[in-house]
Amino acid sequence: MGEQLGERGVEPAGEPRVVVRRSLPSQPAVRASASLFLTEAERQGVRAGRTMLYVGPEPAPGHVAEGLRVEPGTPVLARRKLLLADEVPVRVATSFLRLDLFGGTALVEPGFLRPSLQAAIEALGHRFGRAEEHLIARPPEGEEAVTLDLGPGEWVVQIVRAAYSADDLPIHVLETVCAASRHIFEITQVSGADEF
């Protein structure tokens, strides 16, 4: 991660203001940290920031409903935050959780959870089993262009990670919408999983 600014902090034409790295899949030590983004940013020497945008119920979009195994439009808990690198918006990350599992718990409270969302889920008796992650490049939708301060024609990369408990219960869908021009995605292959 690092700023790419011209003289006197002026952004060169067509150049991103900041470029951050996002590993796919996330390393277990990073995923288990208090904040995946804050840990990544610290490793890359970037001043990270985050702002909670919304915590509350909202209808599950199709891709979220599929991951949580509910009908599209079913009310789910959304925890949405804006992630900044050197004060530049780079990602909007939304955790979606089933209200039948997490309604009435600390997860519905506003603000950031301490020490982490994952710890709060585990404290309620859910143990991580596996995850599926999908990456899609697309034009911004709704307020994404405004929230991420995107220029005309800029795209986003949407990463949807559905996490399931050890007994295959869908417990968390994380949708991360990244400013495409401000990210490099590093894809890591697990050794022994393929032949050359």
C-alpha atoms as a PDB file:
ATOM      1  CA  MET A   1       0.000   0.000   0.000  1.00  0.00           C
ATOM      2  CA  GLY A   2       1.196   3.487  -0.577  1.00  0.00           C
ATOM      3  CA  GLU A   3       0.207   6.824  -1.961  1.00  0.00           C
ATOM      4  CA  GLN A   4       0.981   7.569  -5.564  1.00  0.00           C
ATOM      5  CA  LEU A   5       0.959  11.362  -5.642  1.00  0.00           C
ATOM      6  CA  GLY A   6       2.725  13.805  -7.888  1.00  0.00           C
ATOM      7  CA  GLU A   7       4.492  17.003  -6.812  1.00  0.00           C
ATOM      8  CA  ARG A   8       2.880  18.933  -3.933  1.00  0.00           C
ATOM      9  CA  GLY A   9       0.370  16.094  -3.355  1.00  0.00           C
ATOM     10  CA  VAL A  10      -1.421  16.624  -6.664  1.00  0.00           C
ATOM     11  CA  GLU A  11      -2.839  13.430  -8.097  1.00  0.00           C
ATOM     12  CA  PRO A  12      -1.378  12.603 -11.561  1.00  0.00           C
ATOM     13  CA  ALA A  13      -4.036  12.336 -14.279  1.00  0.00           C
ATOM     14  CA  GLY A  14      -5.394   8.802 -14.477  1.00  0.00           C
ATOM     15  CA  GLU A  15      -3.378   7.578 -11.469  1.00  0.00           C
ATOM     16  CA  PRO A  16      -4.965   6.155  -8.328  1.00  0.00           C
ATOM     17  CA  ARG A  17      -4.471   8.161  -5.138  1.00  0.00           C
ATOM     18  CA  VAL A  18      -3.624   5.053  -3.139  1.00  0.00           C
ATOM     19  CA  VAL A  19      -3.103   1.370  -3.898  1.00  0.00           C
ATOM     20  CA  VAL A  20      -3.730  -1.314  -1.287  1.00  0.00           C
ATOM     21  CA  ARG A  21      -3.134  -5.052  -1.416  1.00  0.00           C
ATOM     22  CA  ARG A  22      -5.791  -7.636  -0.602  1.00  0.00           C
ATOM     23  CA  SER A  23      -4.790 -11.298  -0.314  1.00  0.00           C
ATOM     24  CA  LEU A  24      -7.192 -13.994  -1.464  1.00  0.00           C
ATOM     25  CA  PRO A  25      -7.754 -16.135   0.422  1.00  0.00           C
ATOM     26  CA  SER A  26      -6.837 -14.208   3.562  1.00  0.00           C
ATOM     27  CA  GLN A  27      -4.060 -15.724   5.632  1.00  0.00           C
ATOM     28  CA  PRO A  28      -5.501 -17.416   8.750  1.00  0.00           C
ATOM     29  CA  ALA A  29      -3.493 -15.179  11.120  1.00  0.00           C
ATOM     30  CA  VAL A  30      -4.826 -12.065   9.357  1.00  0.00           C
ATOM     31  CA  ARG A  31      -8.408 -13.343   9.239  1.00  0.00           C
ATOM     32  CA  ALA A  32      -8.264 -14.143  12.992  1.00  0.00           C
ATOM     33  CA  SER A  33      -7.017 -10.656  13.915  1.00  0.00           C
ATOM     34  CA  ALA A  34      -9.235  -7.962  15.422  1.00  0.00           C
ATOM     35  CA  SER A  35      -9.559  -6.360  11.955  1.00  0.00           C
ATOM     36  CA  LEU A  36      -8.474  -7.912   8.679  1.00  0.00           C
ATOM     37  CA  PHE A  37      -8.102  -4.477   7.074  1.00  0.00           C
ATOM     38  CA  LEU A  38      -6.219  -2.822   9.950  1.00  0.00           C
ATOM     39  CA  THR A  39      -3.812  -5.785  10.087  1.00  0.00           C
ATOM     40  CA  GLU A  40      -3.251  -5.721   6.310  1.00  0.00           C
ATOM     41  CA  ALA A  41      -2.686  -1.960   6.325  1.00  0.00           C
ATOM     42  CA  GLU A  42      -0.188  -2.127   9.196  1.00  0.00           C
ATOM     43  CA  ARG A  43       1.821  -4.781   7.332  1.00  0.00           C
ATOM     44  CA  GLN A  44       1.865  -2.523   4.256  1.00  0.00           C
ATOM     45  CA  GLY A  45       2.820   0.676   6.061  1.00  0.00           C
ATOM     46  CA  VAL A  46      -0.419   2.558   5.439  1.00  0.00           C
ATOM     47  CA  ARG A  47      -2.415   4.604   7.931  1.00  0.00           C
ATOM     48  CA  ALA A  48      -5.741   2.770   8.086  1.00  0.00           C
ATOM     49  CA  GLY A  49      -9.072   4.121   9.228  1.00  0.00           C
ATOM     50  CA  ARG A  50     -12.595   2.821   9.467  1.00  0.00           C
ATOM     51  CA  THR A  51     -16.024   4.295  10.021  1.00  0.00           C
ATOM     52  CA  MET A  52     -19.178   2.357  10.838  1.00  0.00           C
ATOM     53  CA  LEU A  53     -21.841   3.402   8.328  1.00  0.00           C
ATOM     54  CA  TYR A  54     -24.807   1.291   9.415  1.00  0.00           C
ATOM     55  CA  VAL A  55     -25.861  -1.467  11.803  1.00  0.00           C
ATOM     56  CA  GLY A  56     -29.389  -2.823  11.522  1.00  0.00           C
ATOM     57  CA  PRO A  57     -31.782  -5.032   9.601  1.00  0.00           C
ATOM     58  CA  GLU A  58     -32.161  -4.899   5.830  1.00  0.00           C
ATOM     59  CA  PRO A  59     -33.533  -7.228   3.139  1.00  0.00           C
ATOM     60  CA  ALA A  60     -31.007  -9.829   1.969  1.00  0.00           C
ATOM     61  CA  PRO A  61     -29.919  -9.324  -1.656  1.00  0.00           C
ATOM     62  CA  GLY A  62     -29.912 -12.513  -3.754  1.00  0.00           C
ATOM     63  CA  HIS A  63     -26.196 -13.307  -3.385  1.00  0.00           C
ATOM     64  CA  VAL A  64     -26.344 -12.754   0.392  1.00  0.00           C
ATOM     65  CA  ALA A  65     -29.520 -14.816   0.738  1.00  0.00           C
ATOM     66  CA  GLU A  66     -27.851 -17.662  -1.131  1.00  0.00           C
ATOM     67  CA  GLY A  67     -24.852 -17.623   1.207  1.00  0.00           C
ATOM     68  CA  LEU A  68     -27.013 -17.440   4.347  1.00  0.00           C
ATOM     69  CA  ARG A  69     -29.489 -20.008   2.966  1.00  0.00           C
ATOM     70  CA  VAL A  70     -32.510 -17.743   3.357  1.00  0.00           C
ATOM     71  CA  GLU A  71     -35.040 -16.450   0.824  1.00  0.00           C
ATOM     72  CA  PRO A  72     -34.063 -13.229  -1.017  1.00  0.00           C
ATOM     73  CA  GLY A  73     -35.583 -10.246   0.773  1.00  0.00           C
ATOM     74  CA  THR A  74     -35.510 -11.950   4.181  1.00  0.00           C
ATOM     75  CA  PRO A  75     -34.497  -9.404   6.841  1.00  0.00           C
ATOM     76  CA  VAL A  76     -30.889  -9.978   7.923  1.00  0.00           C
ATOM     77  CA  LEU A  77     -28.535  -8.033  10.160  1.00  0.00           C
ATOM     78  CA  ALA A  78     -26.153  -5.771   8.215  1.00  0.00           C
ATOM     79  CA  ARG A  79     -22.996  -4.264   9.755  1.00  0.00           C
ATOM     80  CA  ARG A  80     -21.532  -1.864   7.125  1.00  0.00           C
ATOM     81  CA  LYS A  81     -18.270   0.039   7.432  1.00  0.00           C
ATOM     82  CA  LEU A  82     -16.125   2.266   5.232  1.00  0.00           C
ATOM     83  CA  LEU A  83     -12.397   1.459   5.161  1.00  0.00           C
ATOM     84  CA  LEU A  84      -9.833   4.181   4.450  1.00  0.00           C
ATOM     85  CA  ALA A  85      -6.157   4.054   3.534  1.00  0.00           C
ATOM     86  CA  ASP A  86      -4.281   7.288   4.169  1.00  0.00           C
ATOM     87  CA  GLU A  87      -7.726   8.929   4.480  1.00  0.00           C
ATOM     88  CA  VAL A  88      -8.782   7.713   0.996  1.00  0.00           C
ATOM     89  CA  PRO A  89     -11.906   5.495   0.835  1.00  0.00           C
ATOM     90  CA  VAL A  90     -10.899   2.122  -0.568  1.00  0.00           C
ATOM     91  CA  ARG A  91     -13.546  -0.426   0.539  1.00  0.00           C
ATOM     92  CA  VAL A  92     -17.045  -0.785   1.866  1.00  0.00           C
ATOM     93  CA  ALA A  93     -17.310  -3.989   3.901  1.00  0.00           C
ATOM     94  CA  THR A  94     -20.687  -5.320   5.008  1.00  0.00           C
ATOM     95  CA  SER A  95     -21.157  -8.277   7.327  1.00  0.00           C
ATOM     96  CA  PHE A  96     -24.514  -9.978   6.887  1.00  0.00           C
ATOM     97  CA  LEU A  97     -25.800 -12.255   9.642  1.00  0.00           C
ATOM     98  CA  ARG A  98     -29.011 -14.200  10.140  1.00  0.00           C
ATOM     99  CA  LEU A  99     -31.372 -12.465  12.565  1.00  0.00           C
ATOM    100  CA  ASP A 100     -32.749 -15.828  13.723  1.00  0.00           C
ATOM    101  CA  LEU A 101     -29.245 -16.624  15.037  1.00  0.00           C
ATOM    102  CA  PHE A 102     -27.945 -13.208  16.096  1.00  0.00           C
ATOM    103  CA  GLY A 103     -30.953 -10.932  16.703  1.00  0.00           C
ATOM    104  CA  GLY A 104     -31.048  -9.791  20.332  1.00  0.00           C
ATOM    105  CA  THR A 105     -27.292 -10.330  20.810  1.00  0.00           C
ATOM    106  CA  ALA A 106     -24.373  -7.908  21.088  1.00  0.00           C
ATOM    107  CA  LEU A 107     -23.965  -8.139  17.302  1.00  0.00           C
ATOM    108  CA  VAL A 108     -26.951  -5.816  16.774  1.00  0.00           C
ATOM    109  CA  GLU A 109     -25.346  -3.039  18.845  1.00  0.00           C
ATOM    110  CA  PRO A 110     -23.947  -0.027  16.920  1.00  0.00           C
ATOM    111  CA  GLY A 111     -20.215   0.507  16.690  1.00  0.00           C
ATOM    112  CA  PHE A 112     -17.306  -1.870  16.395  1.00  0.00           C
ATOM    113  CA  LEU A 113     -17.264  -5.090  18.393  1.00  0.00           C
ATOM    114  CA  ARG A 114     -14.373  -5.754  20.765  1.00  0.00           C
ATOM    115  CA  PRO A 115     -12.191  -7.636  20.338  1.00  0.00           C
ATOM    116  CA  SER A 116     -13.762  -8.595  16.960  1.00  0.00           C
ATOM    117  CA  LEU A 117     -16.896  -9.736  15.142  1.00  0.00           C
ATOM    118  CA  GLN A 118     -15.420 -13.225  14.830  1.00  0.00           C
ATOM    119  CA  ALA A 119     -14.839 -13.400  18.590  1.00  0.00           C
ATOM    120  CA  ALA A 120     -18.436 -12.286  19.223  1.00  0.00           C
ATOM    121  CA  ILE A 121     -19.729 -15.021  16.899  1.00  0.00           C
ATOM    122  CA  GLU A 122     -17.569 -17.630  18.630  1.00  0.00           C
ATOM    123  CA  ALA A 123     -18.713 -16.429  22.060  1.00  0.00           C
ATOM    124  CA  LEU A 124     -22.234 -17.390  20.980  1.00  0.00           C
ATOM    125  CA  GLY A 125     -21.079 -20.982  20.397  1.00  0.00           C
ATOM    126  CA  HIS A 126     -20.359 -21.003  16.651  1.00  0.00           C
ATOM    127  CA  ARG A 127     -17.039 -22.455  15.461  1.00  0.00           C
ATOM    128  CA  PHE A 128     -15.651 -21.754  11.980  1.00  0.00           C
ATOM    129  CA  GLY A 129     -15.688 -24.711   9.593  1.00  0.00           C
ATOM    130  CA  ARG A 130     -15.165 -23.489   6.022  1.00  0.00           C
ATOM    131  CA  ALA A 131     -15.692 -20.554   3.676  1.00  0.00           C
ATOM    132  CA  GLU A 132     -16.437 -19.919   0.024  1.00  0.00           C
ATOM    133  CA  GLU A 133     -15.205 -16.732  -1.628  1.00  0.00           C
ATOM    134  CA  HIS A 134     -16.265 -15.205  -4.956  1.00  0.00           C
ATOM    135  CA  LEU A 135     -14.773 -12.188  -6.719  1.00  0.00           C
ATOM    136  CA  ILE A 136     -16.678 -10.159  -9.333  1.00  0.00           C
ATOM    137  CA  ALA A 137     -15.573  -7.017 -11.217  1.00  0.00           C
ATOM    138  CA  ARG A 138     -18.490  -4.716 -12.079  1.00  0.00           C
ATOM    139  CA  PRO A 139     -19.581  -1.084 -12.426  1.00  0.00           C
ATOM    140  CA  PRO A 140     -20.565   0.548  -9.114  1.00  0.00           C
ATOM    141  CA  GLU A 141     -24.192   0.282  -8.002  1.00  0.00           C
ATOM    142  CA  GLY A 142     -26.360   2.560  -5.877  1.00  0.00           C
ATOM    143  CA  GLU A 143     -24.283   4.867  -3.681  1.00  0.00           C
ATOM    144  CA  GLU A 144     -20.995   2.938  -4.136  1.00  0.00           C
ATOM    145  CA  ALA A 145     -19.455   5.498  -6.527  1.00  0.00           C
ATOM    146  CA  VAL A 146     -20.185   8.352  -4.117  1.00  0.00           C
ATOM    147  CA  THR A 147     -19.129   6.458  -0.966  1.00  0.00           C
ATOM    148  CA  LEU A 148     -15.852   5.333  -2.544  1.00  0.00           C
ATOM    149  CA  ASP A 149     -15.263   8.679  -4.308  1.00  0.00           C
ATOM    150  CA  LEU A 150     -14.964   7.004  -7.719  1.00  0.00           C
ATOM    151  CA  GLY A 151     -14.408   8.899 -10.931  1.00  0.00           C
ATOM    152  CA  PRO A 152     -16.459   8.407 -14.112  1.00  0.00           C
ATOM    153  CA  GLY A 153     -15.960   4.953 -15.598  1.00  0.00           C
ATOM    154  CA  GLU A 154     -14.236   3.503 -12.522  1.00  0.00           C
ATOM    155  CA  TRP A 155     -15.255  -0.025 -11.549  1.00  0.00           C
ATOM    156  CA  VAL A 156     -15.396  -1.932  -8.289  1.00  0.00           C
ATOM    157  CA  VAL A 157     -14.398  -5.445  -7.323  1.00  0.00           C
ATOM    158  CA  GLN A 158     -16.945  -7.212  -5.149  1.00  0.00           C
ATOM    159  CA  ILE A 159     -15.715 -10.038  -2.924  1.00  0.00           C
ATOM    160  CA  VAL A 160     -18.366 -12.180  -1.253  1.00  0.00           C
ATOM    161  CA  ARG A 161     -17.178 -14.573   1.447  1.00  0.00           C
ATOM    162  CA  ALA A 162     -19.748 -16.978   2.904  1.00  0.00           C
ATOM    163  CA  ALA A 163     -18.590 -18.597   6.150  1.00  0.00           C
ATOM    164  CA  TYR A 164     -20.091 -21.752   7.620  1.00  0.00           C
ATOM    165  CA  SER A 165     -19.778 -23.260  11.074  1.00  0.00           C
ATOM    166  CA  ALA A 166     -18.170 -26.617  11.788  1.00  0.00           C
ATOM    167  CA  ASP A 167     -21.660 -28.160  11.531  1.00  0.00           C
ATOM    168  CA  ASP A 168     -22.281 -26.393   8.163  1.00  0.00           C
ATOM    169  CA  LEU A 169     -24.578 -23.675   9.499  1.00  0.00           C
ATOM    170  CA  PRO A 170     -24.316 -20.431   7.443  1.00  0.00           C
ATOM    171  CA  ILE A 171     -23.214 -17.864  10.008  1.00  0.00           C
ATOM    172  CA  HIS A 172     -21.644 -14.919   8.161  1.00  0.00           C
ATOM    173  CA  VAL A 173     -21.548 -13.422   4.681  1.00  0.00           C
ATOM    174  CA  LEU A 174     -18.992 -10.664   4.189  1.00  0.00           C
ATOM    175  CA  GLU A 175     -19.431  -8.503   1.102  1.00  0.00           C
ATOM    176  CA  THR A 176     -16.465  -6.248   0.400  1.00  0.00           C
ATOM    177  CA  VAL A 177     -16.809  -3.694  -2.396  1.00  0.00           C
ATOM    178  CA  CYS A 178     -13.365  -2.416  -3.372  1.00  0.00           C
ATOM    179  CA  ALA A 179     -12.406   0.551  -5.534  1.00  0.00           C
ATOM    180  CA  ALA A 180     -10.808  -1.444  -8.366  1.00  0.00           C
ATOM    181  CA  SER A 181      -8.247   1.233  -9.272  1.00  0.00           C
ATOM    182  CA  ARG A 182      -7.009   1.308  -5.660  1.00  0.00           C
ATOM    183  CA  HIS A 183      -6.381  -2.403  -5.178  1.00  0.00           C
ATOM    184  CA  ILE A 184      -4.001  -5.161  -6.145  1.00  0.00           C
ATOM    185  CA  PHE A 185      -5.373  -8.631  -5.425  1.00  0.00           C
ATOM    186  CA  GLU A 186      -2.837 -11.288  -4.544  1.00  0.00           C
ATOM    187  CA  ILE A 187      -4.139 -14.803  -5.141  1.00  0.00           C
ATOM    188  CA  THR A 188      -2.283 -17.513  -3.232  1.00  0.00           C
ATOM    189  CA  GLN A 189      -2.444 -21.182  -4.167  1.00  0.00           C
ATOM    190  CA  VAL A 190      -2.221 -23.736  -1.391  1.00  0.00           C
ATOM    191  CA  SER A 191       0.693 -26.122  -2.002  1.00  0.00           C
ATOM    192  CA  GLY A 192      -0.260 -29.639  -2.988  1.00  0.00           C
ATOM    193  CA  ALA A 193      -3.642 -28.545  -4.345  1.00  0.00           C
ATOM    194  CA  ASP A 194      -2.717 -28.655  -8.027  1.00  0.00           C
ATOM    195  CA  GLU A 195      -0.203 -29.988 -10.537  1.00  0.00           C
ATOM    196  CA  PHE A 196       1.732 -28.024 -13.115  1.00  0.00           C
END
